[in-house]
Protein backbone atom coordinates (compact mmCIF):
# COMPACT_ATOMS: atom_id res chain seq x y z
CA MET A 1 108.99 34.61 42.93
CA VAL A 2 109.11 37.40 40.41
CA GLN A 3 105.52 38.41 40.94
CA LEU A 4 106.01 38.24 44.63
CA ARG A 5 109.06 40.61 44.35
CA LYS A 6 106.98 42.99 42.18
CA LEU A 7 104.25 42.94 44.88
CA ASN A 8 106.60 43.68 47.67
CA SER A 9 108.06 46.46 45.66
CA THR A 10 104.73 48.02 44.89
CA MET A 11 103.74 47.87 48.58
CA GLU A 12 106.98 49.42 49.77
CA THR A 13 106.58 52.20 47.12
CA ARG A 14 102.91 52.98 48.30
CA GLY A 15 104.17 52.75 52.03
CA HIS A 16 106.94 55.35 51.21
CA SER A 17 104.40 57.48 49.28
CA LYS A 18 102.02 57.17 52.22
CA ASN A 19 104.55 57.95 54.80
CA GLY A 20 105.94 60.88 52.70
CA ALA A 21 102.35 62.16 52.42
CA SER A 22 101.91 61.85 56.12
CA LEU A 23 105.22 63.47 57.07
CA LYS A 24 104.38 66.37 54.67
CA SER A 25 100.92 66.75 56.26
CA HIS A 26 102.45 66.83 59.92
CA THR A 27 105.05 69.31 58.66
CA SER A 28 102.52 71.58 57.20
CA LYS A 29 100.26 71.44 60.35
CA GLY A 30 103.32 72.09 62.49
CA ASN A 31 104.28 75.31 60.35
CA LYS A 32 100.81 76.52 60.57
CA HIS A 33 100.59 76.09 64.41
CA ARG A 34 104.02 77.85 64.76
CA PHE A 35 102.84 80.61 62.44
CA VAL A 36 99.68 81.26 64.54
CA ILE A 37 101.77 81.36 67.67
CA PHE A 38 104.11 83.81 66.12
CA ALA A 39 101.31 85.93 64.78
CA CYS A 40 99.60 85.96 68.31
CA LEU A 41 102.88 86.89 69.99
CA LEU A 42 103.57 89.63 67.29
CA PHE A 43 99.94 91.24 67.85
CA PHE A 44 100.53 91.15 71.63
CA VAL A 45 103.86 92.90 71.54
CA THR A 46 102.61 95.45 69.03
CA PHE A 47 99.42 96.03 70.94
CA SER A 48 101.57 96.44 74.42
CA ILE A 49 103.88 98.97 72.54
CA TYR A 50 100.88 100.92 71.28
CA ALA A 51 99.09 100.89 74.55
CA GLN A 52 102.31 102.40 76.32
CA GLU A 53 102.70 104.97 73.65
CA THR A 54 99.12 106.11 73.94
CA LYS A 55 99.09 106.54 77.73
CA LEU A 56 99.26 110.02 79.13
CA ARG A 57 102.93 110.83 80.28
CA VAL A 58 102.73 112.52 83.73
CA ALA A 59 105.31 113.90 86.33
CA VAL A 60 104.68 114.85 89.78
CA ILE A 61 106.67 117.68 91.26
CA ASP A 62 106.99 117.50 95.10
CA LEU A 63 104.28 119.25 96.88
CA SER A 64 105.25 122.14 99.09
CA PRO A 65 104.15 123.36 102.55
CA THR A 66 102.19 126.77 102.46
CA ASP A 67 101.76 129.71 104.67
CA ASN A 68 102.64 129.19 108.42
CA TYR A 69 101.05 125.84 108.85
CA SER A 70 103.33 123.16 110.42
CA VAL A 71 103.74 120.83 107.43
CA SER A 72 107.31 119.65 107.03
CA ILE A 73 109.15 119.22 103.73
CA SER A 74 109.42 115.54 104.45
CA ASP A 75 105.61 115.27 105.10
CA ALA A 76 104.92 116.82 101.79
CA LYS A 77 107.47 114.62 100.02
CA ALA A 78 105.75 111.61 101.55
CA LEU A 79 102.34 112.46 100.18
CA THR A 80 104.14 113.24 96.65
CA SER A 81 105.46 109.74 96.89
CA ILE A 82 102.16 108.04 97.64
CA LEU A 83 100.52 110.05 94.95
CA THR A 84 103.24 108.98 92.35
CA THR A 85 102.63 105.31 93.39
CA GLU A 86 98.83 105.48 93.20
CA LEU A 87 99.22 107.10 89.57
CA VAL A 88 101.32 104.05 88.57
CA ASN A 89 98.86 101.64 90.13
CA THR A 90 96.07 102.94 87.97
CA ASN A 91 97.82 101.50 84.96
CA LYS A 92 96.44 104.38 82.95
CA TYR A 93 99.45 106.77 82.99
CA ARG A 94 103.22 106.70 82.40
CA VAL A 95 104.66 108.34 85.28
CA VAL A 96 108.19 109.74 85.45
CA GLU A 97 110.50 108.44 88.18
CA ARG A 98 111.04 111.13 90.84
CA SER A 99 114.88 110.76 90.54
CA ARG A 100 114.69 112.23 86.99
CA ILE A 101 112.38 115.14 88.09
CA GLU A 102 114.99 115.90 90.83
CA GLN A 103 117.81 115.75 88.50
CA ILE A 104 116.05 118.23 86.06
CA ILE A 105 115.34 120.53 88.96
CA LYS A 106 119.02 120.46 90.04
CA GLU A 107 120.20 121.03 86.51
CA LEU A 108 118.05 124.08 86.37
CA GLY A 109 119.40 125.44 89.60
CA LEU A 110 116.02 125.69 91.38
CA GLN A 111 116.30 125.91 95.19
CA SER A 112 112.74 124.97 96.09
CA THR A 113 109.55 123.05 95.13
CA GLN A 114 107.92 126.57 94.92
CA ASP A 115 110.53 127.54 92.12
CA ALA A 116 110.02 124.23 90.50
CA SER A 117 106.35 124.78 90.57
CA VAL A 118 106.61 128.22 88.81
CA ARG A 119 108.63 126.57 86.09
CA ALA A 120 106.52 123.31 85.76
CA ALA A 121 105.92 123.56 82.13
CA GLU A 122 109.62 124.05 81.42
CA ILE A 123 110.38 121.07 83.55
CA GLY A 124 107.66 119.02 81.85
CA LYS A 125 109.27 119.78 78.30
CA LEU A 126 112.56 118.72 79.43
CA LEU A 127 111.07 115.29 80.91
CA GLY A 128 109.04 114.74 77.71
CA VAL A 129 105.68 114.53 79.51
CA HIS A 130 102.17 115.71 78.63
CA LYS A 131 100.99 116.82 82.08
CA ILE A 132 102.71 118.15 85.30
CA ILE A 133 101.02 117.63 88.67
CA THR A 134 102.03 120.32 91.18
CA GLY A 135 100.58 121.96 94.40
CA GLU A 136 100.82 122.70 98.06
CA CYS A 137 99.51 121.27 101.22
CA THR A 138 98.49 122.54 104.65
CA LEU A 139 99.01 120.75 107.99
CA TRP A 140 97.10 117.48 108.38
CA GLN A 141 96.88 114.67 111.02
CA THR A 142 98.37 116.90 113.88
CA VAL A 143 96.53 120.06 113.82
CA ALA A 144 93.80 120.37 116.62
CA GLU A 145 90.33 119.13 115.66
CA SER A 146 88.87 122.80 115.87
CA TYR A 147 91.15 123.89 113.12
CA TYR A 148 90.70 120.64 110.89
CA TYR A 149 89.14 122.99 108.01
CA GLN A 150 92.56 124.36 107.62
CA ALA A 151 93.98 121.04 106.53
CA LYS A 152 93.80 120.95 102.67
CA THR A 153 95.96 119.85 99.70
CA ASN A 154 95.76 122.13 96.63
CA ILE A 155 96.67 120.55 93.37
CA ARG A 156 97.06 121.83 89.89
CA LEU A 157 97.32 119.80 86.53
CA ILE A 158 99.39 121.74 84.07
CA ASP A 159 99.48 121.07 80.36
CA VAL A 160 103.05 121.04 79.24
CA GLU A 161 102.54 122.19 75.83
CA SER A 162 100.51 125.43 76.47
CA GLY A 163 101.54 125.94 79.94
CA ASP A 164 97.93 126.40 80.83
CA ILE A 165 96.19 124.98 84.06
CA ASP A 166 93.99 122.18 82.93
CA LYS A 167 92.38 121.74 86.28
CA ALA A 168 92.72 122.85 89.93
CA VAL A 169 91.20 121.16 92.87
CA THR A 170 91.36 121.33 96.69
CA ILE A 171 91.29 118.27 98.68
CA ASP A 172 90.02 118.35 102.33
CA ASN A 173 92.41 116.03 104.36
CA TYR A 174 89.76 114.87 106.78
CA VAL A 175 86.35 113.15 106.98
CA ILE A 176 83.39 114.90 108.52
CA ASN A 177 79.93 113.43 109.31
CA LYS A 178 76.53 114.62 108.08
CA LYS A 179 76.49 117.10 111.12
CA GLY A 180 79.56 118.60 109.90
CA LYS A 181 81.67 117.36 112.84
CA PHE A 182 85.25 115.93 112.50
CA VAL A 183 85.51 112.18 112.18
CA ARG A 184 88.99 111.42 111.37
CA TRP A 185 91.99 112.29 109.22
CA LEU A 186 92.51 110.79 105.84
CA SER A 187 95.65 108.89 105.31
CA ASN A 188 98.09 109.92 102.62
CA ARG A 189 97.04 107.16 100.33
CA GLU A 190 93.34 108.15 100.69
CA ILE A 191 94.31 111.82 99.91
CA ALA A 192 96.24 110.60 96.89
CA GLN A 193 93.38 108.50 95.72
CA LYS A 194 91.00 111.66 96.06
CA ILE A 195 93.37 113.68 94.15
CA ILE A 196 93.48 111.33 91.39
CA LEU A 197 89.73 110.82 91.17
CA GLU A 198 89.10 114.53 91.18
CA LEU A 199 92.08 115.91 89.05
CA LEU A 200 92.39 113.21 86.37
CA LYS A 201 88.71 111.90 85.95
């Protein structure tokens, strides 16, 4: 009986030892698994923050009508809105919300988009951006076909730090065929996409 009790005691001790080792092993594996997940999450968050910080910060001042062409302020603002949206959709730039731009313009006491365009670099510094996009547009979509060549959008990319114009482009707001004949008007979205392609490539 004594020997049987000793045998049982020895087996129980070994059992506890094995269970303890197994428990420690599982705990260790669980900790390693949690550490890997934590490290991955930390890397993802850090990379996301870094990617956001390295994106070019851009603001778009409302485009303005030019000369005597019949572009309304609302038409120009509609194109500005689409351009802002298309910039955001590229996922390459950090674009300032238009309401913030309007607030700064109001605080500076500027009366028109032309006034804002002249002081674009100053506005950009107050907004904390790298670049300002500004410009003018002539009539599109309602002008007679014989005058379609007058329908253009002039855009400038201004470096806020130096105040210099980095690039200036003129976008035709229409499509012509190989024979130089008018085909159709571009939509605001198509014009915006052409601006981004030409100005920021």
